[in-house]
Protein backbone atom coordinates (compact mmCIF):
# COMPACT_ATOMS: atom_id res chain seq x y z
CA MET A 1 155.50 71.85 125.79
CA ASN A 2 152.67 70.39 127.94
CA LYS A 3 149.20 69.13 126.72
CA ILE A 4 145.79 68.86 128.49
CA VAL A 5 142.76 67.25 127.18
CA PHE A 6 139.86 69.14 128.37
CA ILE A 7 136.33 67.15 128.43
CA GLY A 8 132.89 68.02 129.34
CA ASP A 9 130.41 66.00 131.44
CA LEU A 10 131.09 62.36 131.20
CA HIS A 11 127.96 61.03 132.71
CA LEU A 12 129.29 57.48 133.48
CA SER A 13 126.62 55.37 134.42
CA ASP A 14 125.15 51.53 134.46
CA ARG A 15 121.57 52.80 133.70
CA GLN A 16 120.31 52.86 130.35
CA ILE A 17 119.07 56.72 129.10
CA THR A 18 115.78 56.16 128.18
CA THR A 19 115.72 58.20 125.07
CA ARG A 20 118.67 56.27 123.35
CA VAL A 21 118.26 53.19 121.25
CA ASP A 22 121.82 52.14 121.83
CA ASP A 23 123.21 50.42 125.15
CA SER A 24 124.10 53.66 126.65
CA THR A 25 126.29 52.20 129.43
CA GLU A 26 128.37 50.38 126.94
CA THR A 27 128.63 53.59 124.70
CA VAL A 28 129.73 55.78 127.43
CA LEU A 29 132.44 53.10 128.43
CA GLU A 30 133.56 52.95 125.10
CA LYS A 31 133.95 56.82 124.69
CA PHE A 32 135.60 56.91 128.20
CA GLU A 33 138.51 54.21 126.99
CA TRP A 34 138.60 56.40 123.73
CA ILE A 35 139.37 59.59 125.66
CA LEU A 36 141.98 57.83 127.60
CA ASN A 37 143.77 56.31 124.87
CA TYR A 38 143.74 59.45 122.64
CA ALA A 39 145.40 61.50 125.89
CA PHE A 40 147.93 58.78 126.24
CA GLN A 41 148.56 59.18 122.30
CA GLN A 42 149.19 62.73 123.25
CA ASN A 43 151.05 62.37 126.13
CA ALA A 44 148.52 64.50 127.78
CA ASN A 45 146.92 64.65 131.11
CA ILE A 46 143.03 64.84 131.26
CA ILE A 47 140.51 67.53 133.09
CA CYS A 48 137.06 66.68 133.19
CA THR A 49 134.60 69.55 134.00
CA GLY A 50 132.35 67.63 136.48
CA ASP A 51 129.47 65.15 136.51
CA MET A 52 131.93 62.21 135.88
CA PHE A 53 129.25 59.86 137.62
CA THR A 54 125.24 60.47 136.95
CA HIS A 55 124.70 58.33 140.13
CA THR A 56 126.32 55.72 142.51
CA LEU A 57 127.20 52.80 140.31
CA TYR A 58 124.97 49.45 140.78
CA SER A 59 127.01 47.18 138.88
CA ASN A 60 130.70 46.25 139.83
CA HIS A 61 131.45 45.14 136.25
CA THR A 62 131.03 48.71 135.22
CA ARG A 63 132.88 50.24 138.21
CA TYR A 64 135.75 47.43 137.53
CA ARG A 65 136.16 48.39 133.82
CA ILE A 66 136.22 52.21 134.90
CA LYS A 67 139.05 51.60 137.34
CA LYS A 68 141.05 48.92 135.03
CA ALA A 69 141.07 51.92 131.97
CA LEU A 70 142.19 54.46 134.80
CA LYS A 71 144.96 52.23 136.22
CA ALA A 72 146.31 51.81 132.74
CA TYR A 73 146.13 55.36 131.73
CA ASN A 74 147.83 56.43 135.23
CA SER A 75 150.52 53.99 135.01
CA THR A 76 152.28 55.83 132.22
CA GLY A 77 152.63 58.69 134.64
CA LEU A 78 149.82 60.89 133.32
CA SER A 79 146.83 61.83 135.45
CA PHE A 80 143.00 62.09 135.34
CA TRP A 81 141.88 65.35 137.21
CA VAL A 82 138.21 66.19 137.76
CA ILE A 83 135.81 68.57 139.76
CA SER A 84 132.40 67.67 141.32
CA GLY A 85 129.27 68.69 139.26
CA ASN A 86 125.55 68.49 140.47
CA HIS A 87 124.60 64.92 139.85
CA SER A 88 124.29 62.66 142.96
CA GLY A 89 127.40 60.55 141.56
CA ASP A 90 129.62 63.47 142.31
CA ILE A 91 127.82 65.12 145.28
CA GLU A 92 124.54 64.81 147.51
CA ASP A 93 122.33 67.76 148.30
CA ARG A 94 124.53 70.09 147.00
CA ASN A 95 126.73 69.87 149.90
CA PRO A 96 130.38 70.00 148.65
CA ASP A 97 131.70 68.18 151.49
CA SER A 98 129.62 65.40 150.41
CA VAL A 99 131.81 64.33 147.55
CA LEU A 100 134.09 62.49 149.88
CA TYR A 101 131.14 59.80 150.28
CA ARG A 102 129.86 59.67 146.59
CA GLU A 103 130.94 57.65 143.64
CA LEU A 104 133.65 60.30 142.83
CA GLY A 105 135.12 60.52 146.32
CA GLN A 106 135.58 56.94 146.36
CA PHE A 107 137.67 57.09 143.03
CA VAL A 108 139.53 59.92 144.41
CA LEU A 109 140.50 58.28 147.67
CA ASP A 110 141.49 54.98 145.72
CA GLY A 111 143.87 56.92 143.79
CA TYR A 112 142.33 56.54 140.24
CA VAL A 113 141.33 60.15 139.63
CA ARG A 114 142.76 63.41 141.20
CA PHE A 115 140.56 66.02 142.35
CA LEU A 116 141.18 69.73 141.06
CA GLY A 117 140.10 72.12 144.12
CA LYS A 118 139.01 71.53 147.38
CA PHE A 119 138.15 67.96 148.06
CA ASP A 120 136.86 68.14 151.54
CA GLU A 121 136.38 71.13 154.18
CA LYS A 122 139.98 70.31 155.76
CA GLY A 123 141.63 69.39 152.73
CA GLU A 124 143.98 71.93 150.68
CA ASP A 125 142.99 73.34 147.21
CA CYS A 126 144.53 70.92 144.59
CA ILE A 127 146.10 72.57 141.61
CA LEU A 128 147.49 71.33 138.25
CA SER A 129 150.92 72.99 138.28
CA LEU A 130 152.60 73.88 135.01
CA PRO A 131 156.02 75.51 134.54
CA ASP A 132 155.43 78.91 136.31
CA LYS A 133 151.50 78.26 135.82
CA VAL A 134 148.74 77.07 137.70
CA ILE A 135 145.32 75.90 136.80
CA ARG A 136 142.84 75.75 139.62
CA GLY A 137 139.38 74.08 139.79
CA TYR A 138 136.05 74.69 141.74
CA SER A 139 132.83 72.73 141.82
CA ALA A 140 129.05 73.40 141.35
CA TYR A 141 128.54 74.40 145.16
CA SER A 142 131.81 74.92 146.42
CA GLU A 143 133.65 78.20 147.58
CA LEU A 144 136.06 79.53 145.13
CA TYR A 145 139.63 79.67 146.55
CA THR A 146 141.49 83.03 145.60
CA GLY A 147 144.86 82.25 147.47
CA ASP A 148 148.09 82.58 145.15
CA ALA A 149 146.03 84.54 142.67
CA GLU A 150 148.57 85.87 140.48
CA ASN A 151 149.62 82.64 139.47
CA VAL A 152 146.30 81.27 138.19
CA ILE A 153 145.92 81.30 134.26
CA GLY A 154 143.35 78.87 134.09
CA LEU A 155 139.91 78.10 135.72
CA VAL A 156 137.87 74.84 135.44
CA CYS A 157 134.38 74.90 136.53
CA HIS A 158 131.09 73.07 136.54
CA HIS A 159 128.55 75.94 136.53
CA TRP A 160 129.22 78.93 134.68
CA ILE A 161 127.18 82.17 133.84
CA MET A 162 124.02 80.11 133.06
CA ASP A 163 122.78 78.52 136.14
CA ALA A 164 119.48 76.67 135.78
CA PHE A 165 119.51 75.75 139.77
CA GLY A 166 119.54 79.43 141.10
CA ASP A 167 121.90 78.38 143.93
CA SER A 168 125.29 77.54 142.88
CA LEU A 169 128.41 79.27 142.45
CA VAL A 170 128.75 80.81 138.77
CA ILE A 171 131.53 83.27 137.32
CA TYR A 172 131.77 86.11 134.87
CA PRO A 173 134.89 86.02 132.78
CA ASP A 174 135.83 89.72 133.41
CA ASP A 175 135.14 89.44 137.15
CA MET A 176 137.56 86.67 137.55
CA LYS A 177 140.14 88.62 135.72
CA LYS A 178 139.92 91.17 138.56
CA ILE A 179 140.61 88.52 141.02
CA PHE A 180 143.13 86.51 139.10
CA PRO A 181 144.97 89.26 137.10
CA ASN A 182 146.78 86.64 134.72
CA LEU A 183 144.01 84.53 134.04
CA GLN A 184 144.11 83.37 130.46
CA PHE A 185 141.30 80.99 130.13
CA ILE A 186 138.11 79.31 131.82
CA VAL A 187 136.72 75.85 130.48
CA ALA A 188 133.19 75.24 131.78
CA GLY A 189 130.90 72.25 132.09
CA HIS A 190 127.40 71.62 132.78
CA ASP A 191 125.90 72.85 129.85
CA HIS A 192 125.62 69.74 127.42
CA ALA A 193 125.66 71.98 124.26
CA VAL A 194 128.89 72.82 122.59
CA HIS A 195 129.56 76.28 122.29
CA GLN A 196 132.16 78.20 119.96
CA PRO A 197 134.95 79.66 122.10
CA TYR A 198 135.05 83.25 122.33
CA VAL A 199 137.32 86.01 124.00
CA SER A 200 135.98 88.17 126.73
CA ARG A 201 136.14 91.93 126.82
CA ASP A 202 139.25 91.72 129.28
CA ASP A 203 141.07 89.00 127.41
CA VAL A 204 139.64 85.89 128.70
CA LYS A 205 139.21 82.72 126.43
CA VAL A 206 136.03 80.86 127.45
CA ILE A 207 135.98 77.02 126.38
CA ARG A 208 132.66 74.78 126.84
CA PRO A 209 133.33 71.47 125.36
CA GLY A 210 129.70 69.97 125.90
CA SER A 211 128.97 67.04 127.31
CA VAL A 212 130.87 63.77 126.30
CA MET A 213 127.31 61.73 126.70
CA ARG A 214 124.24 63.22 124.89
CA THR A 215 121.80 62.28 127.58
CA ASP A 216 118.75 63.66 125.65
CA ALA A 217 116.96 64.56 122.11
CA GLY A 218 117.62 68.23 122.09
CA LYS A 219 119.32 70.77 120.23
CA SER A 220 122.56 69.97 122.46
CA SER A 221 122.32 66.42 121.23
CA GLN A 222 122.51 67.41 117.56
CA ARG A 223 126.26 67.06 117.35
CA ILE A 224 129.11 64.67 117.50
CA PRO A 225 130.82 64.87 120.88
CA CYS A 226 134.26 66.44 121.04
CA VAL A 227 137.21 66.95 123.43
CA VAL A 228 139.33 70.32 123.46
CA VAL A 229 143.18 69.80 123.54
CA CYS A 230 145.49 72.98 124.77
CA GLU A 231 148.99 72.78 124.07
CA PHE A 232 151.12 74.86 126.49
CA GLY A 233 154.36 76.67 124.96
CA GLU A 234 156.56 79.17 126.09
CA GLY A 235 154.31 82.32 126.33
CA HIS A 236 151.47 80.96 124.11
CA MET A 237 148.86 77.92 124.05
CA VAL A 238 147.32 76.36 120.95
CA TRP A 239 143.71 75.16 121.34
CA GLU A 240 142.22 72.36 119.14
CA THR A 241 138.72 70.83 119.21
CA ILE A 242 138.78 67.11 118.16
CA PRO A 243 135.85 64.93 117.75
CA ILE A 244 135.31 61.83 119.53
CA SER A 245 135.44 59.56 116.39
CA ILE A 246 133.25 56.66 117.71
CA SER A 247 130.29 58.76 118.24
CA ARG A 248 127.40 58.13 115.98
CA PRO A 249 125.32 60.33 114.31
CA TYR A 250 122.27 62.00 116.25
CA GLU A 251 119.84 60.15 114.14
CA GLU A 252 121.22 56.69 114.98
CA VAL A 253 121.31 56.92 118.87
CA PHE A 254 117.75 58.72 119.54
CA TYR A 255 114.11 57.42 119.25
CA GLN A 256 112.43 58.82 116.66
CA GLU A 257 109.53 59.94 118.84
CA LYS A 258 112.27 61.78 120.85
CA ARG A 259 113.42 63.66 117.82
CA ASP A 260 109.99 64.48 116.82
CA VAL A 261 109.26 66.13 120.12
CA ASN A 262 112.50 68.11 119.73
CA LYS A 263 111.72 69.32 116.36
CA ASP A 264 108.32 70.54 117.70
CA SER A 265 109.79 72.18 120.41
CA VAL A 266 112.61 73.99 118.14
CA ASN A 267 109.49 75.14 115.74
CA ALA A 268 107.60 76.24 118.88
CA LEU A 269 110.43 78.45 120.33
CA ASP A 270 111.03 79.77 116.93
CA ARG A 271 107.46 80.93 116.73
CA PHE A 272 107.57 82.37 120.29
CA VAL A 273 110.87 84.49 119.30
CA GLN A 274 109.15 85.78 116.03
CA GLN A 275 106.46 87.36 118.44
CA ILE A 276 108.77 88.60 120.57
CA GLN A 277 110.44 90.35 117.85
CA GLU A 278 107.33 91.90 116.28
CA LYS A 279 107.20 93.97 119.54
CA GLY A 280 110.62 94.96 119.25
CA ASN A 281 109.85 98.53 118.78
CA VAL A 282 108.59 98.60 121.98
CA VAL A 283 110.18 99.18 125.50
CA MET A 284 109.21 96.68 127.84
CA ASP A 285 110.70 94.60 130.70
CA LEU A 286 112.07 91.36 129.12
CA SER A 287 110.52 89.28 132.17
CA SER A 288 107.09 90.65 131.82
CA ALA A 289 107.39 90.63 127.77
CA VAL A 290 108.18 86.78 128.31
CA ASN A 291 105.27 86.00 130.41
CA GLU A 292 103.09 88.31 128.61
CA GLN A 293 103.79 86.40 125.30
CA LEU A 294 103.45 83.14 126.82
CA GLY A 295 99.74 83.65 127.63
CA LEU A 296 99.27 84.20 123.64
CA VAL A 297 100.75 81.04 122.44
CA PRO A 298 98.72 77.69 121.51
CA VAL A 299 98.43 75.61 124.45
CA ALA A 300 100.13 72.83 122.75
CA ASP A 301 103.34 75.05 122.33
CA ARG A 302 103.43 76.56 125.69
CA ASP A 303 104.97 73.79 127.82
CA MET A 304 107.49 73.20 125.04
CA ILE A 305 108.44 76.58 125.23
CA LYS A 306 108.54 76.93 129.07
CA GLN A 307 111.15 74.20 129.31
CA ASP A 308 113.33 75.69 126.66
CA LEU A 309 113.02 78.96 128.51
CA SER A 310 113.68 77.32 131.80
CA ALA A 311 116.83 75.49 130.42
CA ASN A 312 118.06 78.65 129.26
CA GLY A 313 117.93 80.53 132.81
CA PHE A 314 114.60 82.29 132.36
CA MET A 315 112.27 82.44 135.31
CA ILE A 316 109.10 81.46 134.27
CA SER A 317 105.90 82.35 136.46
């Protein structure tokens, strides 16, 4: 049997997250160490869905602590795999070749983490091999390598169907099944919210574990962060979602003011959806309907609704 612990965006950082009341640097380091220890206990490799680093670290103390933890984990013969995300700690100016020069690239070159995908323009596409199986990764702005397609059973990506940036590579499960005929699962990051797994029309399982670090006070933060464990056996896979046990409740880590803003935002969006539903008996273009209804809602709600809609991929004029 083989095990892999899949984790969402880590957002390792040495800057305080302004919406949180805790020491967010210490919190993310503790979660990171918890994940490494848990994976060691499970004798499992780790795959991160990108955004391992939010930015270039300023503190060598933070960098040393991360490297020390990874060195201990790697010494057991296990490996920490990662793809790049869209933050500056992983990539610069949406150029996939820039990973080499960012914080993530330095950790790869120094041997602390292994890159899942194509690390630079001249490098090979690195894969995680299981017996008779291959897991392939690709990053936010890179080109998907389709060679050796029949051996690919899993894809790990940063962006997925919802692409708030409008210019990065996204995939649809059933389209990928046409390229990789034996594809069984996709694990995706970027979206901080945790989503229930589902199986697509063409029998591709979609896993979205959610961000390890809750970076803002929104609906995506009203949860306990988790890891997703997959155990690979002969002809089958067993998936399990495991809460990160040291995570504290939402109410304990975000400022009350931010929680109040989030509550107002949710209520505003609910009111907006109700207005749309009241027009449900009329055939209309969705984009036109959204923009039309935005003109009718109270001014106090409008900005919050626009932010929520934009975060979910709507083009708002």
